[in-house]
Amino acid sequence: MRYLVLILLLINCHPVSHIVVGTKREPTSPEDVIVYLDYPESYDKIALIDAGSNFSFKDPIILFAWQSKMNKALERLKVEAASLGANGILIVNTDNKTYQSINSNENGVQSSTYEEKFIKAIAIHVPKM
């Protein structure tokens, strides 16, 4: 039974989340979502979103290079923003996280490290001019 619960948790885990702070719109295409580093002249906030590069059964991939981890987190942000009707994301912050696991058994102490990338952004709608 414990394994079933663990499997269900892993299947449902996806390193993306959002908080709606404005009005959701009709979904757009992730390819149409533009990345902004500064606020555009005119925009409406839709949601605060964040995404990580960690492993997910929803889109399974194991990444090793920092750039590929950044690309995966950004791709996940765009997909989430598009599902909320955004045509832009404003990057608020990026972060690197390092997790270390230390285990001891009869063979001694073993250590492993896993690193991932996180991005926080604001999903926005920019009117087309």
Foldseek 3Di string as FASTA:
>chain_A
DVVVVVVVVQQPDFFKDKDFDFAFDAFDDLVQEAEAQDDDPDKAFTIKMKGKQDAHPVDGDDDDDQVVLVVNRSSVVSNVLRNRPFRYKHWDDKDKDKDKDWDQDPVGIDMDIDMMMMTIITGIHDDDD
